[in-house]
Amino acid sequence: MVKLDDLLHDRRMTLTELADRVGLTLANLSILKTGKAKAIRFSTLAAICRELECQPGDLLSYQTD
């Protein structure tokens, strides 16, 4: 599960602002936000965590079906 919406809300940041800060397209970041992404590069994960001042575990969680 991707908790990007919660982190953005907590930091009063828009998805567009985050996309600009990390150098991703809004479309790609939206795919990640909705949980439809199949993979994420470590460099992208690091950039998101840097901008949101969080750890990867704050952004991603594992849930069984």
PDB file of N, CA and C in Angstrom:
ATOM      1  N   MET A   1       0.842  -1.171   0.000  1.00  0.00           N
ATOM      2  CA  MET A   1       0.000   0.000   0.000  1.00  0.00           C
ATOM      3  C   MET A   1       0.896   1.246   0.000  1.00  0.00           C
ATOM      4  N   VAL A   2       0.544   2.206  -0.804  1.00  0.00           N
ATOM      5  CA  VAL A   2       1.296   3.455  -0.900  1.00  0.00           C
ATOM      6  C   VAL A   2       0.525   4.527  -0.132  1.00  0.00           C
ATOM      7  N   LYS A   3       1.194   5.173   0.809  1.00  0.00           N
ATOM      8  CA  LYS A   3       0.550   6.166   1.672  1.00  0.00           C
ATOM      9  C   LYS A   3       0.945   7.590   1.280  1.00  0.00           C
ATOM     10  N   LEU A   4       1.122   7.809  -0.003  1.00  0.00           N
ATOM     11  CA  LEU A   4       1.563   9.113  -0.491  1.00  0.00           C
ATOM     12  C   LEU A   4       0.536  10.204  -0.208  1.00  0.00           C
ATOM     13  N   ASP A   5      -0.737   9.908  -0.378  1.00  0.00           N
ATOM     14  CA  ASP A   5      -1.792  10.900  -0.120  1.00  0.00           C
ATOM     15  C   ASP A   5      -1.724  11.417   1.313  1.00  0.00           C
ATOM     16  N   ASP A   6      -1.568  10.508   2.264  1.00  0.00           N
ATOM     17  CA  ASP A   6      -1.509  10.903   3.673  1.00  0.00           C
ATOM     18  C   ASP A   6      -0.302  11.795   3.953  1.00  0.00           C
ATOM     19  N   LEU A   7       0.844  11.415   3.397  1.00  0.00           N
ATOM     20  CA  LEU A   7       2.060  12.203   3.617  1.00  0.00           C
ATOM     21  C   LEU A   7       1.942  13.590   2.998  1.00  0.00           C
ATOM     22  N   LEU A   8       1.377  13.658   1.800  1.00  0.00           N
ATOM     23  CA  LEU A   8       1.193  14.957   1.150  1.00  0.00           C
ATOM     24  C   LEU A   8       0.246  15.829   1.970  1.00  0.00           C
ATOM     25  N   HIS A   9      -0.832  15.240   2.435  1.00  0.00           N
ATOM     26  CA  HIS A   9      -1.805  15.990   3.235  1.00  0.00           C
ATOM     27  C   HIS A   9      -1.159  16.511   4.516  1.00  0.00           C
ATOM     28  N   ASP A  10      -0.419  15.645   5.201  1.00  0.00           N
ATOM     29  CA  ASP A  10       0.230  16.035   6.450  1.00  0.00           C
ATOM     30  C   ASP A  10       1.218  17.188   6.254  1.00  0.00           C
ATOM     31  N   ARG A  11       1.834  17.232   5.074  1.00  0.00           N
ATOM     32  CA  ARG A  11       2.842  18.265   4.807  1.00  0.00           C
ATOM     33  C   ARG A  11       2.285  19.450   4.010  1.00  0.00           C
ATOM     34  N   ARG A  12       0.986  19.416   3.771  1.00  0.00           N
ATOM     35  CA  ARG A  12       0.309  20.484   3.014  1.00  0.00           C
ATOM     36  C   ARG A  12       1.006  20.740   1.677  1.00  0.00           C
ATOM     37  N   MET A  13       1.252  19.645   0.969  1.00  0.00           N
ATOM     38  CA  MET A  13       1.934  19.708  -0.317  1.00  0.00           C
ATOM     39  C   MET A  13       1.043  19.048  -1.370  1.00  0.00           C
ATOM     40  N   THR A  14       1.048  19.608  -2.564  1.00  0.00           N
ATOM     41  CA  THR A  14       0.265  19.012  -3.639  1.00  0.00           C
ATOM     42  C   THR A  14       1.102  17.985  -4.394  1.00  0.00           C
ATOM     43  N   LEU A  15       0.430  17.122  -5.106  1.00  0.00           N
ATOM     44  CA  LEU A  15       1.114  16.136  -5.933  1.00  0.00           C
ATOM     45  C   LEU A  15       1.930  16.837  -7.018  1.00  0.00           C
ATOM     46  N   THR A  16       1.394  17.911  -7.554  1.00  0.00           N
ATOM     47  CA  THR A  16       2.102  18.679  -8.578  1.00  0.00           C
ATOM     48  C   THR A  16       3.395  19.268  -8.022  1.00  0.00           C
ATOM     49  N   GLU A  17       3.332  19.798  -6.815  1.00  0.00           N
ATOM     50  CA  GLU A  17       4.526  20.372  -6.193  1.00  0.00           C
ATOM     51  C   GLU A  17       5.578  19.294  -5.964  1.00  0.00           C
ATOM     52  N   LEU A  18       5.156  18.135  -5.472  1.00  0.00           N
ATOM     53  CA  LEU A  18       6.101  17.043  -5.261  1.00  0.00           C
ATOM     54  C   LEU A  18       6.709  16.596  -6.581  1.00  0.00           C
ATOM     55  N   ALA A  19       5.896  16.481  -7.616  1.00  0.00           N
ATOM     56  CA  ALA A  19       6.396  16.077  -8.933  1.00  0.00           C
ATOM     57  C   ALA A  19       7.478  17.033  -9.418  1.00  0.00           C
ATOM     58  N   ASP A  20       7.250  18.323  -9.247  1.00  0.00           N
ATOM     59  CA  ASP A  20       8.239  19.326  -9.647  1.00  0.00           C
ATOM     60  C   ASP A  20       9.526  19.193  -8.846  1.00  0.00           C
ATOM     61  N   ARG A  21       9.397  18.960  -7.555  1.00  0.00           N
ATOM     62  CA  ARG A  21      10.568  18.881  -6.678  1.00  0.00           C
ATOM     63  C   ARG A  21      11.436  17.652  -6.950  1.00  0.00           C
ATOM     64  N   VAL A  22      10.801  16.529  -7.317  1.00  0.00           N
ATOM     65  CA  VAL A  22      11.577  15.296  -7.521  1.00  0.00           C
ATOM     66  C   VAL A  22      11.880  15.026  -8.987  1.00  0.00           C
ATOM     67  N   GLY A  23      11.330  15.842  -9.880  1.00  0.00           N
ATOM     68  CA  GLY A  23      11.631  15.686 -11.294  1.00  0.00           C
ATOM     69  C   GLY A  23      10.899  14.538 -11.969  1.00  0.00           C
ATOM     70  N   LEU A  24       9.690  14.266 -11.505  1.00  0.00           N
ATOM     71  CA  LEU A  24       8.859  13.231 -12.122  1.00  0.00           C
ATOM     72  C   LEU A  24       7.683  13.893 -12.822  1.00  0.00           C
ATOM     73  N   THR A  25       7.099  13.186 -13.782  1.00  0.00           N
ATOM     74  CA  THR A  25       5.879  13.700 -14.378  1.00  0.00           C
ATOM     75  C   THR A  25       4.737  13.478 -13.401  1.00  0.00           C
ATOM     76  N   LEU A  26       3.739  14.314 -13.498  1.00  0.00           N
ATOM     77  CA  LEU A  26       2.564  14.180 -12.646  1.00  0.00           C
ATOM     78  C   LEU A  26       1.887  12.829 -12.899  1.00  0.00           C
ATOM     79  N   ALA A  27       1.892  12.396 -14.155  1.00  0.00           N
ATOM     80  CA  ALA A  27       1.268  11.115 -14.495  1.00  0.00           C
ATOM     81  C   ALA A  27       1.964   9.949 -13.790  1.00  0.00           C
ATOM     82  N   ASN A  28       3.289   9.943 -13.799  1.00  0.00           N
ATOM     83  CA  ASN A  28       4.016   8.854 -13.140  1.00  0.00           C
ATOM     84  C   ASN A  28       3.823   8.875 -11.633  1.00  0.00           C
ATOM     85  N   LEU A  29       3.800  10.049 -11.058  1.00  0.00           N
ATOM     86  CA  LEU A  29       3.588  10.147  -9.618  1.00  0.00           C
ATOM     87  C   LEU A  29       2.162   9.735  -9.254  1.00  0.00           C
ATOM     88  N   SER A  30       1.210  10.028 -10.118  1.00  0.00           N
ATOM     89  CA  SER A  30      -0.176   9.607  -9.898  1.00  0.00           C
ATOM     90  C   SER A  30      -0.302   8.091  -9.915  1.00  0.00           C
ATOM     91  N   ILE A  31       0.427   7.439 -10.809  1.00  0.00           N
ATOM     92  CA  ILE A  31       0.420   5.978 -10.874  1.00  0.00           C
ATOM     93  C   ILE A  31       0.948   5.397  -9.569  1.00  0.00           C
ATOM     94  N   LEU A  32       1.985   5.992  -9.044  1.00  0.00           N
ATOM     95  CA  LEU A  32       2.526   5.548  -7.759  1.00  0.00           C
ATOM     96  C   LEU A  32       1.511   5.785  -6.643  1.00  0.00           C
ATOM     97  N   LYS A  33       0.907   6.959  -6.636  1.00  0.00           N
ATOM     98  CA  LYS A  33      -0.042   7.325  -5.576  1.00  0.00           C
ATOM     99  C   LYS A  33      -1.238   6.381  -5.525  1.00  0.00           C
ATOM    100  N   THR A  34      -1.712   5.957  -6.673  1.00  0.00           N
ATOM    101  CA  THR A  34      -2.886   5.082  -6.715  1.00  0.00           C
ATOM    102  C   THR A  34      -2.551   3.620  -6.464  1.00  0.00           C
ATOM    103  N   GLY A  35      -1.260   3.327  -6.326  1.00  0.00           N
ATOM    104  CA  GLY A  35      -0.862   1.946  -6.058  1.00  0.00           C
ATOM    105  C   GLY A  35      -0.795   1.076  -7.293  1.00  0.00           C
ATOM    106  N   LYS A  36      -0.850   1.676  -8.469  1.00  0.00           N
ATOM    107  CA  LYS A  36      -0.820   0.914  -9.719  1.00  0.00           C
ATOM    108  C   LYS A  36       0.587   0.688 -10.259  1.00  0.00           C
ATOM    109  N   ALA A  37       1.579   1.304  -9.633  1.00  0.00           N
ATOM    110  CA  ALA A  37       2.965   1.135 -10.078  1.00  0.00           C
ATOM    111  C   ALA A  37       3.438  -0.277  -9.742  1.00  0.00           C
ATOM    112  N   LYS A  38       4.171  -0.869 -10.643  1.00  0.00           N
ATOM    113  CA  LYS A  38       4.711  -2.215 -10.432  1.00  0.00           C
ATOM    114  C   LYS A  38       6.111  -2.179  -9.836  1.00  0.00           C
ATOM    115  N   ALA A  39       6.778  -1.033  -9.941  1.00  0.00           N
ATOM    116  CA  ALA A  39       8.143  -0.898  -9.438  1.00  0.00           C
ATOM    117  C   ALA A  39       8.432   0.573  -9.195  1.00  0.00           C
ATOM    118  N   ILE A  40       9.465   0.818  -8.395  1.00  0.00           N
ATOM    119  CA  ILE A  40       9.940   2.180  -8.161  1.00  0.00           C
ATOM    120  C   ILE A  40      11.457   2.121  -8.049  1.00  0.00           C
ATOM    121  N   ARG A  41      12.128   3.032  -8.703  1.00  0.00           N
ATOM    122  CA  ARG A  41      13.591   3.091  -8.613  1.00  0.00           C
ATOM    123  C   ARG A  41      13.992   3.590  -7.231  1.00  0.00           C
ATOM    124  N   PHE A  42      15.114   3.089  -6.739  1.00  0.00           N
ATOM    125  CA  PHE A  42      15.612   3.530  -5.448  1.00  0.00           C
ATOM    126  C   PHE A  42      15.880   5.032  -5.466  1.00  0.00           C
ATOM    127  N   SER A  43      16.364   5.546  -6.585  1.00  0.00           N
ATOM    128  CA  SER A  43      16.645   6.984  -6.662  1.00  0.00           C
ATOM    129  C   SER A  43      15.354   7.802  -6.570  1.00  0.00           C
ATOM    130  N   THR A  44      14.274   7.297  -7.149  1.00  0.00           N
ATOM    131  CA  THR A  44      12.981   7.970  -7.060  1.00  0.00           C
ATOM    132  C   THR A  44      12.445   7.907  -5.642  1.00  0.00           C
ATOM    133  N   LEU A  45      12.545   6.743  -5.022  1.00  0.00           N
ATOM    134  CA  LEU A  45      12.105   6.578  -3.644  1.00  0.00           C
ATOM    135  C   LEU A  45      12.885   7.508  -2.714  1.00  0.00           C
ATOM    136  N   ALA A  46      14.186   7.584  -2.932  1.00  0.00           N
ATOM    137  CA  ALA A  46      15.027   8.463  -2.111  1.00  0.00           C
ATOM    138  C   ALA A  46      14.641   9.925  -2.303  1.00  0.00           C
ATOM    139  N   ALA A  47      14.369  10.334  -3.523  1.00  0.00           N
ATOM    140  CA  ALA A  47      13.999  11.724  -3.795  1.00  0.00           C
ATOM    141  C   ALA A  47      12.663  12.073  -3.145  1.00  0.00           C
ATOM    142  N   ILE A  48      11.706  11.162  -3.213  1.00  0.00           N
ATOM    143  CA  ILE A  48      10.404  11.393  -2.582  1.00  0.00           C
ATOM    144  C   ILE A  48      10.569  11.500  -1.070  1.00  0.00           C
ATOM    145  N   CYS A  49      11.327  10.574  -0.502  1.00  0.00           N
ATOM    146  CA  CYS A  49      11.552  10.597   0.949  1.00  0.00           C
ATOM    147  C   CYS A  49      12.299  11.859   1.381  1.00  0.00           C
ATOM    148  N   ARG A  50      13.234  12.311   0.563  1.00  0.00           N
ATOM    149  CA  ARG A  50      13.967  13.547   0.874  1.00  0.00           C
ATOM    150  C   ARG A  50      12.996  14.727   0.936  1.00  0.00           C
ATOM    151  N   GLU A  51      12.143  14.845  -0.059  1.00  0.00           N
ATOM    152  CA  GLU A  51      11.226  15.989  -0.130  1.00  0.00           C
ATOM    153  C   GLU A  51      10.128  15.924   0.923  1.00  0.00           C
ATOM    154  N   LEU A  52       9.694  14.717   1.274  1.00  0.00           N
ATOM    155  CA  LEU A  52       8.634  14.573   2.268  1.00  0.00           C
ATOM    156  C   LEU A  52       9.189  14.387   3.679  1.00  0.00           C
ATOM    157  N   GLU A  53      10.522  14.353   3.769  1.00  0.00           N
ATOM    158  CA  GLU A  53      11.194  14.154   5.057  1.00  0.00           C
ATOM    159  C   GLU A  53      10.622  12.942   5.787  1.00  0.00           C
ATOM    160  N   CYS A  54      10.695  11.800   5.096  1.00  0.00           N
ATOM    161  CA  CYS A  54      10.170  10.560   5.652  1.00  0.00           C
ATOM    162  C   CYS A  54      11.112   9.405   5.328  1.00  0.00           C
ATOM    163  N   GLN A  55      10.784   8.251   5.835  1.00  0.00           N
ATOM    164  CA  GLN A  55      11.505   7.022   5.550  1.00  0.00           C
ATOM    165  C   GLN A  55      10.672   6.190   4.577  1.00  0.00           C
ATOM    166  N   PRO A  56      11.293   5.281   3.819  1.00  0.00           N
ATOM    167  CA  PRO A  56      10.518   4.453   2.890  1.00  0.00           C
ATOM    168  C   PRO A  56       9.348   3.727   3.561  1.00  0.00           C
ATOM    169  N   GLY A  57       9.520   3.309   4.800  1.00  0.00           N
ATOM    170  CA  GLY A  57       8.444   2.634   5.517  1.00  0.00           C
ATOM    171  C   GLY A  57       7.263   3.540   5.831  1.00  0.00           C
ATOM    172  N   ASP A  58       7.495   4.850   5.835  1.00  0.00           N
ATOM    173  CA  ASP A  58       6.398   5.799   6.024  1.00  0.00           C
ATOM    174  C   ASP A  58       5.559   5.907   4.758  1.00  0.00           C
ATOM    175  N   LEU A  59       6.173   5.628   3.633  1.00  0.00           N
ATOM    176  CA  LEU A  59       5.530   5.761   2.329  1.00  0.00           C
ATOM    177  C   LEU A  59       4.899   4.463   1.853  1.00  0.00           C
ATOM    178  N   LEU A  60       5.547   3.346   2.140  1.00  0.00           N
ATOM    179  CA  LEU A  60       5.099   2.041   1.653  1.00  0.00           C
ATOM    180  C   LEU A  60       4.815   1.098   2.810  1.00  0.00           C
ATOM    181  N   SER A  61       3.767   0.322   2.676  1.00  0.00           N
ATOM    182  CA  SER A  61       3.494  -0.728   3.656  1.00  0.00           C
ATOM    183  C   SER A  61       3.023  -1.970   2.922  1.00  0.00           C
ATOM    184  N   TYR A  62       3.200  -3.106   3.554  1.00  0.00           N
ATOM    185  CA  TYR A  62       2.810  -4.383   2.962  1.00  0.00           C
ATOM    186  C   TYR A  62       1.545  -4.880   3.625  1.00  0.00           C
ATOM    187  N   GLN A  63       0.583  -5.287   2.813  1.00  0.00           N
ATOM    188  CA  GLN A  63      -0.671  -5.845   3.331  1.00  0.00           C
ATOM    189  C   GLN A  63      -0.949  -7.150   2.616  1.00  0.00           C
ATOM    190  N   THR A  64      -1.344  -8.146   3.368  1.00  0.00           N
ATOM    191  CA  THR A  64      -1.728  -9.421   2.748  1.00  0.00           C
ATOM    192  C   THR A  64      -3.143  -9.302   2.217  1.00  0.00           C
ATOM    193  N   ASP A  65      -3.459 -10.123   1.249  1.00  0.00           N
ATOM    194  CA  ASP A  65      -4.794 -10.075   0.632  1.00  0.00           C
ATOM    195  C   ASP A  65      -5.871 -10.599   1.514  1.00  0.00           C
TER     196      ASP A  65
END
